C-alpha atoms as a PDB file:
ATOM      1  CA  MET A   1      -0.565  -0.417   0.187  1.00  0.00           C
ATOM      2  CA  ALA A   2       1.509   3.605  -0.612  1.00  0.00           C
ATOM      3  CA  THR A   3       1.807   6.514   2.256  1.00  0.00           C
ATOM      4  CA  ILE A   4      -0.390   9.035   1.872  1.00  0.00           C
ATOM      5  CA  THR A   5       0.708  12.408   2.866  1.00  0.00           C
ATOM      6  CA  ALA A   6      -1.629  14.915   4.199  1.00  0.00           C
ATOM      7  CA  SER A   7      -0.880  17.331   2.043  1.00  0.00           C
ATOM      8  CA  GLN A   8      -2.076  15.041  -0.855  1.00  0.00           C
ATOM      9  CA  LEU A   9      -5.065  14.161   0.806  1.00  0.00           C
ATOM     10  CA  ASN A  10      -5.532  17.607   1.300  1.00  0.00           C
ATOM     11  CA  GLN A  11      -5.550  18.458  -2.144  1.00  0.00           C
ATOM     12  CA  LYS A  12      -7.667  15.318  -2.992  1.00  0.00           C
ATOM     13  CA  ILE A  13     -10.744  16.168  -0.783  1.00  0.00           C
ATOM     14  CA  LYS A  14     -10.261  20.440  -2.104  1.00  0.00           C
ATOM     15  CA  SER A  15     -10.666  19.366  -5.535  1.00  0.00           C
ATOM     16  CA  LEU A  16     -13.771  17.389  -4.358  1.00  0.00           C
ATOM     17  CA  PRO A  17     -17.898  19.266  -5.138  1.00  0.00           C
ATOM     18  CA  ILE A  18     -18.688  20.714  -1.964  1.00  0.00           C
ATOM     19  CA  ASN A  19     -22.479  18.310  -0.860  1.00  0.00           C
ATOM     20  CA  LEU A  20     -19.243  14.803  -0.568  1.00  0.00           C
ATOM     21  CA  LEU A  21     -17.531  17.316   1.659  1.00  0.00           C
ATOM     22  CA  TYR A  22     -20.012  16.587   4.046  1.00  0.00           C
ATOM     23  CA  GLU A  23     -19.980  13.334   3.822  1.00  0.00           C
ATOM     24  CA  VAL A  24     -15.827  13.291   4.090  1.00  0.00           C
ATOM     25  CA  ASP A  25     -16.368  15.257   7.421  1.00  0.00           C
ATOM     26  CA  LYS A  26     -18.944  12.723   8.976  1.00  0.00           C
ATOM     27  CA  TYR A  27     -16.403  10.025   7.731  1.00  0.00           C
ATOM     28  CA  ILE A  28     -13.307  11.884   9.637  1.00  0.00           C
ATOM     29  CA  ASP A  29     -16.279  12.077  12.994  1.00  0.00           C
ATOM     30  CA  PHE A  30     -16.966   8.431  12.104  1.00  0.00           C
ATOM     31  CA  LEU A  31     -13.204   7.082  11.868  1.00  0.00           C
ATOM     32  CA  ALA A  32     -12.557   9.641  14.591  1.00  0.00           C
ATOM     33  CA  TYR A  33     -14.780   7.800  16.390  1.00  0.00           C
ATOM     34  CA  LYS A  34     -14.333   4.291  16.335  1.00  0.00           C
ATOM     35  CA  SER A  35     -10.312   4.900  17.037  1.00  0.00           C
ATOM     36  CA  SER A  36     -11.541   5.767  20.429  1.00  0.00           C
ATOM     37  CA  HIS A  37     -13.522   3.528  20.940  1.00  0.00           C
ATOM     38  CA  SER A  38     -11.608   0.598  19.504  1.00  0.00           C
ATOM     39  CA  ASP A  39     -13.311  -2.501  20.978  1.00  0.00           C
ATOM     40  CA  TRP A  40     -17.027  -2.576  21.516  1.00  0.00           C
ATOM     41  CA  ALA A  41     -16.479  -5.844  23.372  1.00  0.00           C
ATOM     42  CA  GLU A  42     -14.648  -4.634  26.338  1.00  0.00           C
ATOM     43  CA  GLN A  43     -17.587  -1.834  26.604  1.00  0.00           C
ATOM     44  CA  LEU A  44     -20.117  -4.685  27.184  1.00  0.00           C
ATOM     45  CA  SER A  45     -22.299  -5.098  30.808  1.00  0.00           C
ATOM     46  CA  GLU A  46     -21.778  -8.015  32.542  1.00  0.00           C
ATOM     47  CA  LYS A  47     -25.355  -8.010  31.452  1.00  0.00           C
ATOM     48  CA  GLN A  48     -25.247  -8.174  27.757  1.00  0.00           C
ATOM     49  CA  ILE A  49     -22.120 -10.468  27.834  1.00  0.00           C
ATOM     50  CA  SER A  50     -24.452 -13.000  29.591  1.00  0.00           C
ATOM     51  CA  LEU A  51     -26.654 -12.342  27.767  1.00  0.00           C
ATOM     52  CA  ILE A  52     -24.679 -13.926  24.149  1.00  0.00           C
ATOM     53  CA  GLU A  53     -23.219 -16.336  26.264  1.00  0.00           C
ATOM     54  CA  LYS A  54     -26.707 -17.610  26.998  1.00  0.00           C
ATOM     55  CA  GLY A  55     -27.711 -16.812  23.191  1.00  0.00           C
ATOM     56  CA  LYS A  56     -24.302 -19.407  22.138  1.00  0.00           C
ATOM     57  CA  LYS A  57     -25.102 -21.885  24.525  1.00  0.00           C
ATOM     58  CA  ASP A  58     -28.640 -21.923  23.225  1.00  0.00           C
ATOM     59  CA  ILE A  59     -27.665 -22.375  19.471  1.00  0.00           C
ATOM     60  CA  GLU A  60     -24.787 -24.908  20.926  1.00  0.00           C
ATOM     61  CA  GLU A  61     -27.018 -27.015  22.013  1.00  0.00           C
ATOM     62  CA  ASN A  62     -30.594 -27.121  18.855  1.00  0.00           C
ATOM     63  CA  ARG A  63     -32.064 -24.591  20.217  1.00  0.00           C
ATOM     64  CA  VAL A  64     -33.051 -21.919  17.705  1.00  0.00           C
ATOM     65  CA  THR A  65     -35.771 -21.148  15.941  1.00  0.00           C
ATOM     66  CA  SER A  66     -35.587 -20.091  11.865  1.00  0.00           C
ATOM     67  CA  ASP A  67     -37.215 -16.222  11.304  1.00  0.00           C
ATOM     68  CA  THR A  68     -39.870 -17.689   9.650  1.00  0.00           C
ATOM     69  CA  GLU A  69     -41.422 -19.627  12.727  1.00  0.00           C
ATOM     70  CA  ALA A  70     -40.490 -16.271  14.616  1.00  0.00           C
ATOM     71  CA  LYS A  71     -42.775 -14.351  12.369  1.00  0.00           C
ATOM     72  CA  GLY A  72     -45.492 -17.625  11.992  1.00  0.00           C
ATOM     73  CA  LYS A  73     -45.026 -17.747  15.817  1.00  0.00           C
ATOM     74  CA  ILE A  74     -45.959 -13.473  16.242  1.00  0.00           C
ATOM     75  CA  LYS A  75     -48.795 -13.583  13.454  1.00  0.00           C
ATOM     76  CA  ASN A  76     -50.112 -15.806  16.034  1.00  0.00           C
ATOM     77  CA  TYR A  77     -49.752 -14.324  18.550  1.00  0.00           C
ATOM     78  CA  ILE A  78     -50.841 -10.988  17.565  1.00  0.00           C
ATOM     79  CA  LYS A  79     -54.241 -13.155  16.081  1.00  0.00           C
ATOM     80  CA  ASN A  80     -54.740 -14.962  19.466  1.00  0.00           C
ATOM     81  CA  LYS A  81     -54.831 -11.033  21.025  1.00  0.00           C
ATOM     82  CA  SER A  82     -56.696  -8.895  18.748  1.00  0.00           C
ATOM     83  CA  PHE A  83     -60.205  -7.746  20.174  1.00  0.00           C
END
């Protein structure tokens, strides 16, 4: 991968139309946020970690429901709860 200097990047940015400059600005903000929050997993609460572990165990023990089956269950639930 070739290296790029800040000056080269600045020249490229200056050549962009104004509407794309807003997108570049948002992306730079995203990159700055991402670099300061590099490992989101380290910020999980104990409850979140516990729920993830429970989900992994459910998958390992084949306690899963397909998307189609879940939608059917929800549809039936709503149908039976209607007034």
